[in-house]
Amino acid sequence: MGKIRIGIIGTGTISESHIRAYRNNAKADIVAIADTNPDRLAEISNRYNITKTYNTATEMLNNEKLDAVSVCSWPVNHVELALLAVEKGLNVLVEKPLGINYAETVKLTEAVAKNGKVGMVGMTHRYRNDVKVLKALLDNGEVGKINHVRAKLVSRRGSPLGFFTDMSKAGGGGLFDIGVHLLDLAWYLSGNPEPDTVSGHTVTGVGPYHTLTLNRWRSSHPYNQDQKIFDVDDFAGAFIRFKNGMSMTFEVAWAVNGPGDDGLNVDIFGQKGGVSLNPLAYYTEKQNVLMESKLTYHNNDWFQDEINHYLDCVEKQVEPISPIRQGSTVVQMLEAIAASSAKNREVVLPL
């Protein structure tokens, strides 16, 4: 096939990462971009010299001959827009979280399967080289049967500015924004077991703040930069049981009054050994001696590798490392954490 013709839906900050990564891959040709915000659309199209622009995704999909799209809109619109592309017979890469509720993601999963094209979720952490090292050990049985996983990502002050704190745009708070990365990575490393029960707790513990000298993630749109709307969670904790007997503790926060973490922390405890992501290590016992091995790897550009993988999968028409069907299960668990918190009790899946 010739170059893969790409359409981009949404011009938020994350779309620029998609544009740059596509431009770095000779297989891709960015044909057009669409957004309902005319000012931002003009800014991005001018900055990256994308000549074909549309005010709606529907217009772009109806008027351009495309092979694949990236969906980079507000989370509440992810599934709706991805379905438009899938129904046109296109391959889709959807930014995280895949959706804001499990039911809508099931519809997308079914549509992708029926369409027979590539459906992928933008879970960048799956493409890290240190994660690849751990995944190789785990898949080779070096830790044996996994008993428990501990996943934690807590920031002392890391709440983003913009639409993120508005439930009507984001569909959730810290749980769905950064919790999706943590939960997905811990679940992926442990072999994607089927979830059974969830006990969750979510709160708005700190809320909006005006702490000085912080470098905070900020949405490209001027909307809600002062966080006048803050109706989402900024802390979530959970205990998840899986049908294979594994359990997981999960803790994520945009902001806490306590110590913060340096990146995602995942510890996996097995019957033969265990692994940790941060710091990267393998633990076991040999000849009655406890051993702790430091693992080596080279840093990589996760996002570029993710886009490269997407293009390779589109070219070969094979399922990606982060398929939409798995992104749907992650949303199911996130939704269950929120539902358990609202009901103040453990919930059984499916809800």
Protein backbone atom coordinates (compact mmCIF):
# COMPACT_ATOMS: atom_id res chain seq x y z
CA MET A 1 0.00 0.00 0.00
CA GLY A 2 1.03 3.63 -0.41
CA LYS A 3 1.19 6.13 2.40
CA ILE A 4 -1.42 5.69 5.13
CA ARG A 5 -3.84 8.60 4.86
CA ILE A 6 -4.52 10.03 8.31
CA GLY A 7 -7.35 12.21 9.60
CA ILE A 8 -7.17 13.78 13.04
CA ILE A 9 -10.32 14.53 15.04
CA GLY A 10 -9.76 17.18 17.71
CA THR A 11 -7.08 19.84 18.09
CA GLY A 12 -6.37 19.67 21.81
CA THR A 13 -2.86 19.55 23.20
CA ILE A 14 -2.59 15.78 22.72
CA SER A 15 -3.33 16.15 19.00
CA GLU A 16 0.01 17.91 18.55
CA SER A 17 1.80 14.82 19.83
CA HIS A 18 -0.07 12.74 17.25
CA ILE A 19 0.79 15.18 14.46
CA ARG A 20 4.49 15.26 15.32
CA ALA A 21 4.70 11.46 15.61
CA TYR A 22 2.93 10.91 12.30
CA ARG A 23 5.23 13.42 10.65
CA ASN A 24 8.23 11.45 11.96
CA ASN A 25 7.03 8.28 10.23
CA ALA A 26 7.44 8.00 6.46
CA LYS A 27 4.42 5.69 6.24
CA ALA A 28 1.95 8.40 7.26
CA ASP A 29 0.38 11.30 5.40
CA ILE A 30 -1.79 13.67 7.46
CA VAL A 31 -4.57 14.55 5.04
CA ALA A 32 -6.97 16.59 7.16
CA ILE A 33 -7.93 17.71 10.65
CA ALA A 34 -11.31 18.54 12.19
CA ASP A 35 -12.51 20.47 15.22
CA THR A 36 -15.61 22.45 16.22
CA ASN A 37 -13.40 25.20 17.67
CA PRO A 38 -12.52 27.38 14.64
CA ASP A 39 -9.79 29.39 16.40
CA ARG A 40 -7.90 26.36 17.62
CA LEU A 41 -8.42 24.62 14.29
CA ALA A 42 -6.86 27.55 12.46
CA GLU A 43 -3.98 27.74 14.95
CA ILE A 44 -3.05 24.06 14.61
CA SER A 45 -3.55 23.87 10.83
CA ASN A 46 -1.30 26.92 10.36
CA ARG A 47 1.33 25.71 12.81
CA TYR A 48 1.66 22.33 11.13
CA ASN A 49 0.75 23.35 7.59
CA ILE A 50 -2.31 21.10 7.33
CA THR A 51 -4.27 22.60 4.46
CA LYS A 52 -7.52 20.63 4.70
CA THR A 53 -9.60 21.53 7.73
CA TYR A 54 -13.19 20.77 8.72
CA ASN A 55 -15.54 22.11 11.40
CA THR A 56 -16.93 18.65 12.16
CA ALA A 57 -15.64 15.10 12.04
CA THR A 58 -18.61 14.11 9.90
CA GLU A 59 -17.65 16.62 7.22
CA MET A 60 -14.07 15.36 7.14
CA LEU A 61 -15.08 11.70 7.01
CA ASN A 62 -17.61 12.36 4.24
CA ASN A 63 -15.27 14.42 2.07
CA GLU A 64 -11.84 12.84 2.45
CA LYS A 65 -10.47 9.47 1.40
CA LEU A 66 -8.77 8.24 4.57
CA ASP A 67 -7.27 5.00 5.85
CA ALA A 68 -7.07 5.77 9.56
CA VAL A 69 -7.91 8.39 12.16
CA SER A 70 -6.75 9.57 15.56
CA VAL A 71 -9.52 10.63 17.95
CA CYS A 72 -8.16 13.42 20.18
CA SER A 73 -11.38 15.07 21.40
CA TRP A 74 -12.82 15.56 24.89
CA PRO A 75 -13.25 12.13 26.55
CA VAL A 76 -17.05 12.43 26.56
CA ASN A 77 -16.94 12.38 22.74
CA HIS A 78 -14.34 9.64 22.20
CA VAL A 79 -16.69 6.76 21.47
CA GLU A 80 -19.19 8.81 19.44
CA LEU A 81 -16.47 10.09 17.12
CA ALA A 82 -14.63 6.78 16.90
CA LEU A 83 -17.87 5.08 15.86
CA LEU A 84 -18.28 7.57 13.01
CA ALA A 85 -14.86 6.56 11.70
CA VAL A 86 -15.40 2.83 12.23
CA GLU A 87 -18.70 2.97 10.36
CA LYS A 88 -16.80 4.50 7.43
CA GLY A 89 -14.55 1.43 7.40
CA LEU A 90 -11.53 3.20 8.87
CA ASN A 91 -8.86 2.11 11.33
CA VAL A 92 -9.06 4.05 14.61
CA LEU A 93 -6.68 5.15 17.35
CA VAL A 94 -8.61 6.58 20.30
CA GLU A 95 -6.95 8.62 23.02
CA LYS A 96 -7.40 7.54 26.62
CA PRO A 97 -9.70 6.98 28.34
CA LEU A 98 -11.47 4.98 25.64
CA GLY A 99 -14.84 6.17 26.94
CA ILE A 100 -16.64 7.35 30.05
CA ASN A 101 -18.80 4.26 30.61
CA TYR A 102 -18.50 0.58 29.84
CA ALA A 103 -21.71 0.29 27.83
CA GLU A 104 -20.59 2.74 25.16
CA THR A 105 -17.17 1.11 24.88
CA VAL A 106 -18.81 -2.28 24.30
CA LYS A 107 -20.64 -0.80 21.31
CA LEU A 108 -17.33 0.44 19.93
CA THR A 109 -15.62 -2.90 20.56
CA GLU A 110 -18.40 -4.69 18.68
CA ALA A 111 -18.26 -2.19 15.81
CA VAL A 112 -14.48 -2.60 15.46
CA ALA A 113 -14.84 -6.40 15.39
CA LYS A 114 -17.61 -6.21 12.78
CA ASN A 115 -15.61 -3.74 10.69
CA GLY A 116 -12.52 -5.94 10.73
CA LYS A 117 -10.12 -3.01 10.93
CA VAL A 118 -7.55 -1.98 13.55
CA GLY A 119 -8.97 -0.51 16.76
CA MET A 120 -6.40 0.80 19.22
CA VAL A 121 -6.38 2.80 22.48
CA GLY A 122 -3.63 5.33 23.16
CA MET A 123 -2.13 3.67 26.24
CA THR A 124 1.42 4.99 25.89
CA HIS A 125 2.85 3.28 28.96
CA ARG A 126 2.47 -0.12 27.32
CA TYR A 127 5.12 1.03 24.82
CA ARG A 128 7.83 1.91 27.36
CA ASN A 129 11.04 -0.09 27.10
CA ASP A 130 11.14 -0.73 30.86
CA VAL A 131 7.61 -2.11 30.61
CA LYS A 132 8.70 -4.34 27.72
CA VAL A 133 11.47 -5.74 29.94
CA LEU A 134 9.04 -6.59 32.74
CA LYS A 135 6.46 -7.99 30.32
CA ALA A 136 9.06 -10.38 28.87
CA LEU A 137 9.90 -11.73 32.34
CA LEU A 138 6.26 -12.05 33.37
CA ASP A 139 5.12 -13.71 30.15
CA ASN A 140 8.00 -16.19 30.42
CA GLY A 141 6.74 -17.30 33.83
CA GLU A 142 9.68 -15.93 35.82
CA VAL A 143 7.42 -14.89 38.73
CA GLY A 144 5.08 -17.88 38.55
CA LYS A 145 1.42 -17.51 39.45
CA ILE A 146 0.67 -13.88 40.32
CA ASN A 147 -0.95 -13.47 43.73
CA HIS A 148 -1.20 -9.72 44.12
CA VAL A 149 -0.46 -6.45 42.31
CA ARG A 150 0.13 -3.09 43.99
CA ALA A 151 -0.42 -0.01 41.80
CA LYS A 152 0.10 3.57 42.96
CA LEU A 153 0.37 7.02 41.38
CA VAL A 154 -0.06 9.92 43.78
CA SER A 155 0.89 13.53 43.14
CA ARG A 156 1.21 16.05 45.92
CA ARG A 157 -0.05 18.81 43.62
CA GLY A 158 -0.73 17.77 40.05
CA SER A 159 -4.32 18.66 39.19
CA PRO A 160 -4.49 19.84 35.56
CA LEU A 161 -6.04 23.10 34.42
CA GLY A 162 -8.86 23.30 31.90
CA PHE A 163 -11.68 20.94 30.99
CA PHE A 164 -10.20 18.10 33.09
CA THR A 165 -12.06 19.18 36.24
CA ASP A 166 -15.43 19.56 34.50
CA MET A 167 -17.43 16.32 34.58
CA SER A 168 -19.51 17.37 31.56
CA LYS A 169 -16.37 17.49 29.37
CA ALA A 170 -13.98 14.98 30.96
CA GLY A 171 -16.46 12.37 32.21
CA GLY A 172 -14.39 11.88 35.37
CA GLY A 173 -11.50 13.27 37.38
CA GLY A 174 -8.13 11.90 38.41
CA LEU A 175 -9.51 8.35 38.31
CA PHE A 176 -10.25 8.50 34.58
CA ASP A 177 -7.46 10.94 33.63
CA ILE A 178 -4.33 9.37 35.14
CA GLY A 179 -5.90 6.39 36.88
CA VAL A 180 -6.61 4.88 33.48
CA HIS A 181 -2.86 4.75 32.75
CA LEU A 182 -2.03 3.17 36.10
CA LEU A 183 -4.81 0.60 36.06
CA ASP A 184 -4.21 -0.31 32.43
CA LEU A 185 -0.49 -0.82 32.94
CA ALA A 186 -0.85 -2.91 36.10
CA TRP A 187 -3.55 -5.05 34.48
CA TYR A 188 -1.58 -5.44 31.23
CA LEU A 189 1.60 -6.54 32.99
CA SER A 190 -0.30 -9.07 35.08
CA GLY A 191 -1.78 -10.76 32.00
CA ASN A 192 -5.19 -9.06 31.63
CA PRO A 193 -7.17 -11.33 34.00
CA GLU A 194 -10.95 -11.01 34.09
CA PRO A 195 -12.12 -8.71 36.92
CA ASP A 196 -14.66 -10.09 39.40
CA THR A 197 -15.36 -7.69 42.29
CA VAL A 198 -14.38 -4.10 43.04
CA SER A 199 -14.40 -2.05 46.23
CA GLY A 200 -13.65 1.60 45.50
CA HIS A 201 -13.47 4.98 47.17
CA THR A 202 -13.30 8.33 45.37
CA VAL A 203 -13.27 11.84 46.85
CA THR A 204 -12.51 15.45 46.04
CA GLY A 205 -9.97 15.72 48.82
CA VAL A 206 -8.05 18.89 47.91
CA GLY A 207 -10.02 20.44 45.06
CA PRO A 208 -8.93 23.65 43.32
CA TYR A 209 -5.78 25.32 44.67
CA HIS A 210 -3.48 28.22 43.87
CA THR A 211 -0.13 26.82 44.98
CA LEU A 212 2.78 28.92 43.70
CA THR A 213 5.56 27.87 41.29
CA LEU A 214 3.92 24.70 40.02
CA ASN A 215 4.37 23.45 36.46
CA ARG A 216 0.90 22.04 35.79
CA TRP A 217 -0.57 20.32 32.75
CA ARG A 218 -2.84 22.83 31.04
CA SER A 219 -5.40 22.19 28.31
CA SER A 220 -4.96 24.17 25.10
CA HIS A 221 -8.46 25.65 25.34
CA PRO A 222 -8.91 28.72 27.60
CA TYR A 223 -12.03 27.13 29.10
CA ASN A 224 -12.00 26.60 32.89
CA GLN A 225 -8.33 27.51 33.37
CA ASP A 226 -9.21 29.02 36.75
CA GLN A 227 -10.86 25.75 37.86
CA LYS A 228 -14.11 27.47 38.81
CA ILE A 229 -15.70 24.17 37.83
CA PHE A 230 -14.27 21.32 39.90
CA ASP A 231 -16.95 18.64 40.20
CA VAL A 232 -14.76 15.54 39.81
CA ASP A 233 -12.64 13.31 42.04
CA ASP A 234 -8.98 14.04 42.72
CA PHE A 235 -8.31 10.87 44.73
CA ALA A 236 -9.34 7.25 44.19
CA GLY A 237 -8.47 4.00 45.90
CA ALA A 238 -9.66 0.47 45.19
CA PHE A 239 -9.30 -3.22 45.93
CA ILE A 240 -10.00 -5.44 42.92
CA ARG A 241 -10.41 -9.22 42.85
CA PHE A 242 -9.96 -11.17 39.63
CA LYS A 243 -11.47 -14.49 38.60
CA ASN A 244 -8.05 -16.18 38.42
CA GLY A 245 -7.49 -15.55 42.15
CA MET A 246 -5.27 -12.47 41.74
CA SER A 247 -5.97 -9.28 43.68
CA MET A 248 -4.90 -5.66 43.16
CA THR A 249 -4.67 -2.58 45.33
CA PHE A 250 -4.95 0.67 43.41
CA GLU A 251 -4.33 4.24 44.54
CA VAL A 252 -4.28 7.34 42.36
CA ALA A 253 -4.46 11.06 43.06
CA TRP A 254 -4.03 14.39 41.36
CA ALA A 255 -3.39 16.02 44.73
CA VAL A 256 -2.87 14.94 48.34
CA ASN A 257 -1.58 16.56 51.50
CA GLY A 258 1.28 14.12 51.78
CA PRO A 259 4.26 12.72 49.87
CA GLY A 260 3.96 12.29 46.12
CA ASP A 261 5.30 9.64 43.79
CA ASP A 262 7.85 9.91 41.01
CA GLY A 263 5.94 8.27 38.18
CA LEU A 264 3.83 5.13 38.08
CA ASN A 265 4.56 2.50 40.70
CA VAL A 266 3.63 -1.13 40.02
CA ASP A 267 4.76 -4.09 42.14
CA ILE A 268 3.81 -7.64 41.16
CA PHE A 269 4.11 -10.46 43.67
CA GLY A 270 4.23 -14.04 42.35
CA GLN A 271 4.86 -17.46 43.83
CA LYS A 272 8.32 -17.84 42.21
CA GLY A 273 9.38 -14.20 42.15
CA GLY A 274 8.26 -10.63 41.77
CA VAL A 275 8.95 -7.47 39.80
CA SER A 276 8.81 -3.73 40.38
CA LEU A 277 8.52 -0.99 37.80
CA ASN A 278 9.93 1.85 39.89
CA PRO A 279 12.77 1.11 40.48
CA LEU A 280 12.98 -1.56 37.78
CA ALA A 281 13.87 -4.82 39.53
CA TYR A 282 13.30 -8.57 39.69
CA TYR A 283 13.07 -10.39 43.03
CA THR A 284 13.41 -14.13 43.66
CA GLU A 285 15.10 -16.74 45.84
CA LYS A 286 17.68 -19.26 44.59
CA GLN A 287 19.60 -21.83 46.62
CA ASN A 288 17.88 -20.44 49.74
CA VAL A 289 19.35 -17.03 49.01
CA LEU A 290 17.24 -13.93 48.42
CA MET A 291 18.12 -12.19 45.18
CA GLU A 292 17.30 -8.74 43.84
CA SER A 293 18.29 -8.06 40.23
CA LYS A 294 18.54 -4.60 38.73
CA LEU A 295 17.22 -4.64 35.17
CA THR A 296 18.76 -2.56 32.42
CA TYR A 297 17.12 -0.94 29.40
CA HIS A 298 17.42 2.04 27.09
CA ASN A 299 14.93 4.88 27.27
CA ASN A 300 12.63 5.27 24.29
CA ASP A 301 10.09 7.75 22.96
CA TRP A 302 6.92 5.98 24.11
CA PHE A 303 4.57 8.12 22.07
CA GLN A 304 6.53 7.80 18.85
CA ASP A 305 6.75 4.05 19.31
CA GLU A 306 3.01 3.90 19.95
CA ILE A 307 2.24 5.75 16.69
CA ASN A 308 4.79 3.64 14.80
CA HIS A 309 3.08 0.51 16.13
CA TYR A 310 -0.35 1.81 15.09
CA LEU A 311 0.87 2.44 11.55
CA ASP A 312 2.50 -0.99 11.37
CA CYS A 313 -0.75 -2.61 12.52
CA VAL A 314 -2.76 -0.63 9.96
CA GLU A 315 -0.35 -1.67 7.23
CA LYS A 316 -0.47 -5.35 8.21
CA GLN A 317 -4.06 -5.35 9.51
CA VAL A 318 -3.17 -7.05 12.80
CA GLU A 319 -4.40 -6.43 16.35
CA PRO A 320 -2.31 -3.88 18.29
CA ILE A 321 -0.67 -4.22 21.69
CA SER A 322 -3.40 -1.99 23.18
CA PRO A 323 -6.62 -3.09 21.45
CA ILE A 324 -9.94 -1.35 21.99
CA ARG A 325 -11.47 -4.51 23.47
CA GLN A 326 -8.97 -4.31 26.36
CA GLY A 327 -9.50 -0.57 26.73
CA SER A 328 -13.17 -1.39 27.23
CA THR A 329 -12.40 -3.70 30.18
CA VAL A 330 -10.25 -0.99 31.78
CA VAL A 331 -13.18 1.44 31.54
CA GLN A 332 -15.39 -1.26 33.10
CA MET A 333 -13.07 -1.40 36.13
CA LEU A 334 -12.81 2.39 36.40
CA GLU A 335 -16.58 2.70 36.26
CA ALA A 336 -16.90 0.00 38.92
CA ILE A 337 -14.54 1.89 41.25
CA ALA A 338 -16.73 5.01 40.95
CA ALA A 339 -19.94 2.97 41.34
CA SER A 340 -18.62 1.19 44.43
CA SER A 341 -17.72 4.52 45.99
CA ALA A 342 -21.18 5.94 45.26
CA LYS A 343 -22.89 2.86 46.74
CA ASN A 344 -20.42 2.63 49.65
CA ARG A 345 -20.02 -1.12 49.11
CA GLU A 346 -18.25 -3.69 47.01
CA VAL A 347 -19.73 -4.31 43.56
CA VAL A 348 -19.74 -7.45 41.43
CA LEU A 349 -18.99 -7.28 37.71
CA PRO A 350 -20.72 -6.90 35.39
CA LEU A 351 -22.58 -4.02 37.05
